[in-house]
Amino acid sequence: MHEESIDHHLRQALSHLEIALNQSIHAVLENQDAKKEVAPKWESFLGQFMHLLREKGKKSRTNPLSWISFAKLR
């Protein structure tokens, strides 16, 4: 199993998402009109991620979202 690799990539992904979120918040706080540019970027990202989950799940005949206990998220 590639647990180290999975952990590494998830940490990197979280780090990049935090940077993008910080930049997005900063842009909107500086100028409320920035929401018009920032919101579609996040919608596109989340849409692509959800599409990727569905497509990879179909191809592998598994549901990656079923691996997550949403009740345990905090």
N, C-alpha and C. Protein backbone atom coordinates (compact mmCIF):
# COMPACT_ATOMS: atom_id res chain seq x y z
N MET A 1 0.85 -1.19 0.00
CA MET A 1 0.00 0.00 0.00
C MET A 1 0.89 1.25 0.00
N HIS A 2 0.36 2.29 -0.52
CA HIS A 2 1.11 3.54 -0.63
C HIS A 2 0.65 4.55 0.41
N GLU A 3 0.52 4.13 1.64
CA GLU A 3 0.00 5.01 2.69
C GLU A 3 0.81 6.28 2.82
N GLU A 4 2.13 6.16 2.80
CA GLU A 4 2.98 7.35 2.92
C GLU A 4 2.69 8.31 1.78
N SER A 5 2.58 7.78 0.59
CA SER A 5 2.32 8.60 -0.57
C SER A 5 0.94 9.25 -0.48
N ILE A 6 -0.06 8.49 -0.06
CA ILE A 6 -1.42 9.03 0.10
C ILE A 6 -1.40 10.15 1.12
N ASP A 7 -0.80 9.91 2.27
CA ASP A 7 -0.71 10.94 3.31
C ASP A 7 0.00 12.18 2.79
N HIS A 8 1.10 11.97 2.10
CA HIS A 8 1.88 13.09 1.55
C HIS A 8 1.02 13.92 0.61
N HIS A 9 0.34 13.27 -0.31
CA HIS A 9 -0.46 14.00 -1.29
C HIS A 9 -1.66 14.70 -0.65
N LEU A 10 -2.27 14.07 0.32
CA LEU A 10 -3.40 14.72 1.01
C LEU A 10 -2.93 15.94 1.80
N ARG A 11 -1.77 15.83 2.45
CA ARG A 11 -1.22 16.99 3.17
C ARG A 11 -0.92 18.13 2.20
N GLN A 12 -0.33 17.79 1.06
CA GLN A 12 -0.02 18.80 0.04
C GLN A 12 -1.30 19.44 -0.50
N ALA A 13 -2.30 18.61 -0.77
CA ALA A 13 -3.57 19.13 -1.28
C ALA A 13 -4.20 20.09 -0.27
N LEU A 14 -4.19 19.71 1.00
CA LEU A 14 -4.76 20.57 2.04
C LEU A 14 -4.00 21.88 2.14
N SER A 15 -2.68 21.80 2.04
CA SER A 15 -1.86 23.00 2.09
C SER A 15 -2.20 23.94 0.93
N HIS A 16 -2.32 23.40 -0.26
CA HIS A 16 -2.66 24.21 -1.43
C HIS A 16 -4.07 24.80 -1.32
N LEU A 17 -5.00 24.01 -0.80
CA LEU A 17 -6.36 24.51 -0.62
C LEU A 17 -6.41 25.64 0.41
N GLU A 18 -5.62 25.51 1.47
CA GLU A 18 -5.58 26.55 2.48
C GLU A 18 -5.04 27.86 1.89
N ILE A 19 -4.00 27.76 1.08
CA ILE A 19 -3.44 28.94 0.43
C ILE A 19 -4.48 29.58 -0.49
N ALA A 20 -5.15 28.76 -1.30
CA ALA A 20 -6.18 29.28 -2.22
C ALA A 20 -7.31 29.92 -1.44
N LEU A 21 -7.71 29.32 -0.33
CA LEU A 21 -8.78 29.88 0.49
C LEU A 21 -8.35 31.21 1.10
N ASN A 22 -7.14 31.26 1.63
CA ASN A 22 -6.63 32.51 2.21
C ASN A 22 -6.59 33.62 1.16
N GLN A 23 -6.11 33.30 -0.04
CA GLN A 23 -6.05 34.29 -1.10
C GLN A 23 -7.45 34.74 -1.53
N SER A 24 -8.38 33.78 -1.56
CA SER A 24 -9.76 34.10 -1.93
C SER A 24 -10.39 35.04 -0.91
N ILE A 25 -10.21 34.73 0.36
CA ILE A 25 -10.77 35.56 1.42
C ILE A 25 -10.15 36.95 1.38
N HIS A 26 -8.84 37.01 1.23
CA HIS A 26 -8.15 38.29 1.16
C HIS A 26 -8.69 39.13 -0.01
N ALA A 27 -8.85 38.51 -1.16
CA ALA A 27 -9.35 39.23 -2.34
C ALA A 27 -10.74 39.80 -2.10
N VAL A 28 -11.61 39.01 -1.48
CA VAL A 28 -12.99 39.46 -1.24
C VAL A 28 -13.03 40.53 -0.14
N LEU A 29 -12.20 40.39 0.88
CA LEU A 29 -12.16 41.42 1.92
C LEU A 29 -11.63 42.74 1.37
N GLU A 30 -10.71 42.67 0.43
CA GLU A 30 -10.17 43.88 -0.21
C GLU A 30 -11.21 44.55 -1.10
N ASN A 31 -12.00 43.69 -1.78
CA ASN A 31 -12.97 44.21 -2.74
C ASN A 31 -14.12 43.21 -2.89
N GLN A 32 -15.29 43.59 -2.40
CA GLN A 32 -16.44 42.69 -2.42
C GLN A 32 -16.79 42.22 -3.84
N ASP A 33 -16.48 43.03 -4.84
CA ASP A 33 -16.75 42.64 -6.23
C ASP A 33 -15.92 41.43 -6.66
N ALA A 34 -14.85 41.14 -5.93
CA ALA A 34 -14.01 39.99 -6.26
C ALA A 34 -14.77 38.68 -6.12
N LYS A 35 -15.87 38.69 -5.35
CA LYS A 35 -16.70 37.48 -5.21
C LYS A 35 -17.13 36.96 -6.57
N LYS A 36 -17.40 37.90 -7.50
CA LYS A 36 -17.87 37.52 -8.83
C LYS A 36 -16.81 36.72 -9.59
N GLU A 37 -15.55 36.93 -9.26
CA GLU A 37 -14.47 36.18 -9.90
C GLU A 37 -14.06 34.96 -9.08
N VAL A 38 -14.09 35.10 -7.77
CA VAL A 38 -13.63 34.02 -6.89
C VAL A 38 -14.64 32.88 -6.81
N ALA A 39 -15.91 33.20 -6.68
CA ALA A 39 -16.93 32.16 -6.52
C ALA A 39 -16.93 31.14 -7.66
N PRO A 40 -16.89 31.57 -8.92
CA PRO A 40 -16.88 30.57 -10.01
C PRO A 40 -15.64 29.67 -9.99
N LYS A 41 -14.53 30.20 -9.49
CA LYS A 41 -13.32 29.37 -9.39
C LYS A 41 -13.54 28.22 -8.42
N TRP A 42 -14.14 28.53 -7.25
CA TRP A 42 -14.41 27.50 -6.26
C TRP A 42 -15.50 26.54 -6.75
N GLU A 43 -16.52 27.07 -7.39
CA GLU A 43 -17.58 26.21 -7.93
C GLU A 43 -17.00 25.25 -8.96
N SER A 44 -16.14 25.75 -9.82
CA SER A 44 -15.51 24.91 -10.84
C SER A 44 -14.64 23.84 -10.19
N PHE A 45 -13.83 24.24 -9.22
CA PHE A 45 -12.96 23.29 -8.54
C PHE A 45 -13.77 22.18 -7.87
N LEU A 46 -14.78 22.58 -7.10
CA LEU A 46 -15.57 21.58 -6.38
C LEU A 46 -16.35 20.70 -7.35
N GLY A 47 -16.85 21.29 -8.43
CA GLY A 47 -17.55 20.50 -9.45
C GLY A 47 -16.63 19.48 -10.10
N GLN A 48 -15.41 19.90 -10.43
CA GLN A 48 -14.44 18.99 -11.03
C GLN A 48 -14.06 17.87 -10.06
N PHE A 49 -13.91 18.24 -8.79
CA PHE A 49 -13.56 17.23 -7.79
C PHE A 49 -14.68 16.20 -7.63
N MET A 50 -15.91 16.68 -7.56
CA MET A 50 -17.05 15.75 -7.42
C MET A 50 -17.18 14.87 -8.66
N HIS A 51 -16.96 15.45 -9.83
CA HIS A 51 -17.01 14.68 -11.08
C HIS A 51 -15.92 13.60 -11.07
N LEU A 52 -14.73 13.98 -10.64
CA LEU A 52 -13.62 13.04 -10.55
C LEU A 52 -13.95 11.88 -9.61
N LEU A 53 -14.53 12.20 -8.45
CA LEU A 53 -14.94 11.15 -7.51
C LEU A 53 -15.93 10.19 -8.15
N ARG A 54 -16.93 10.75 -8.85
CA ARG A 54 -17.94 9.90 -9.48
C ARG A 54 -17.33 9.03 -10.59
N GLU A 55 -16.52 9.65 -11.46
CA GLU A 55 -15.93 8.92 -12.58
C GLU A 55 -14.97 7.83 -12.11
N LYS A 56 -14.10 8.15 -11.17
CA LYS A 56 -13.16 7.15 -10.65
C LYS A 56 -13.92 6.04 -9.93
N GLY A 57 -14.99 6.42 -9.24
CA GLY A 57 -15.81 5.44 -8.55
C GLY A 57 -16.49 4.48 -9.52
N LYS A 58 -17.02 5.02 -10.60
CA LYS A 58 -17.67 4.17 -11.62
C LYS A 58 -16.67 3.19 -12.23
N LYS A 59 -15.51 3.72 -12.60
CA LYS A 59 -14.50 2.89 -13.26
C LYS A 59 -13.98 1.79 -12.35
N SER A 60 -13.87 2.08 -11.06
CA SER A 60 -13.33 1.10 -10.12
C SER A 60 -14.43 0.32 -9.40
N ARG A 61 -15.67 0.69 -9.70
CA ARG A 61 -16.83 0.05 -9.05
C ARG A 61 -16.78 0.16 -7.54
N THR A 62 -16.42 1.35 -7.09
CA THR A 62 -16.40 1.63 -5.66
C THR A 62 -16.89 3.06 -5.47
N ASN A 63 -17.21 3.41 -4.25
CA ASN A 63 -17.68 4.76 -3.96
C ASN A 63 -16.75 5.39 -2.92
N PRO A 64 -15.80 6.20 -3.38
CA PRO A 64 -14.86 6.80 -2.42
C PRO A 64 -15.54 7.60 -1.32
N LEU A 65 -16.69 8.20 -1.58
CA LEU A 65 -17.38 8.95 -0.53
C LEU A 65 -17.90 8.04 0.58
N SER A 66 -18.10 6.76 0.26
CA SER A 66 -18.58 5.83 1.29
C SER A 66 -17.48 5.51 2.31
N TRP A 67 -16.25 5.86 1.99
CA TRP A 67 -15.14 5.60 2.92
C TRP A 67 -15.11 6.62 4.05
N ILE A 68 -15.88 7.67 3.90
CA ILE A 68 -15.84 8.80 4.84
C ILE A 68 -17.04 8.76 5.76
N SER A 69 -16.80 8.83 7.05
CA SER A 69 -17.88 8.98 8.02
C SER A 69 -18.09 10.47 8.23
N PHE A 70 -19.13 11.01 7.58
CA PHE A 70 -19.36 12.44 7.67
C PHE A 70 -19.74 12.88 9.09
N ALA A 71 -20.24 11.95 9.89
CA ALA A 71 -20.56 12.26 11.28
C ALA A 71 -19.29 12.55 12.09
N LYS A 72 -18.16 11.95 11.65
CA LYS A 72 -16.91 12.15 12.39
C LYS A 72 -16.19 13.43 11.97
N LEU A 73 -16.62 14.08 10.89
CA LEU A 73 -15.98 15.32 10.46
C LEU A 73 -16.27 16.42 11.46
N ARG A 74 -15.30 17.24 11.72
CA ARG A 74 -15.53 18.35 12.64
C ARG A 74 -15.04 19.62 12.04
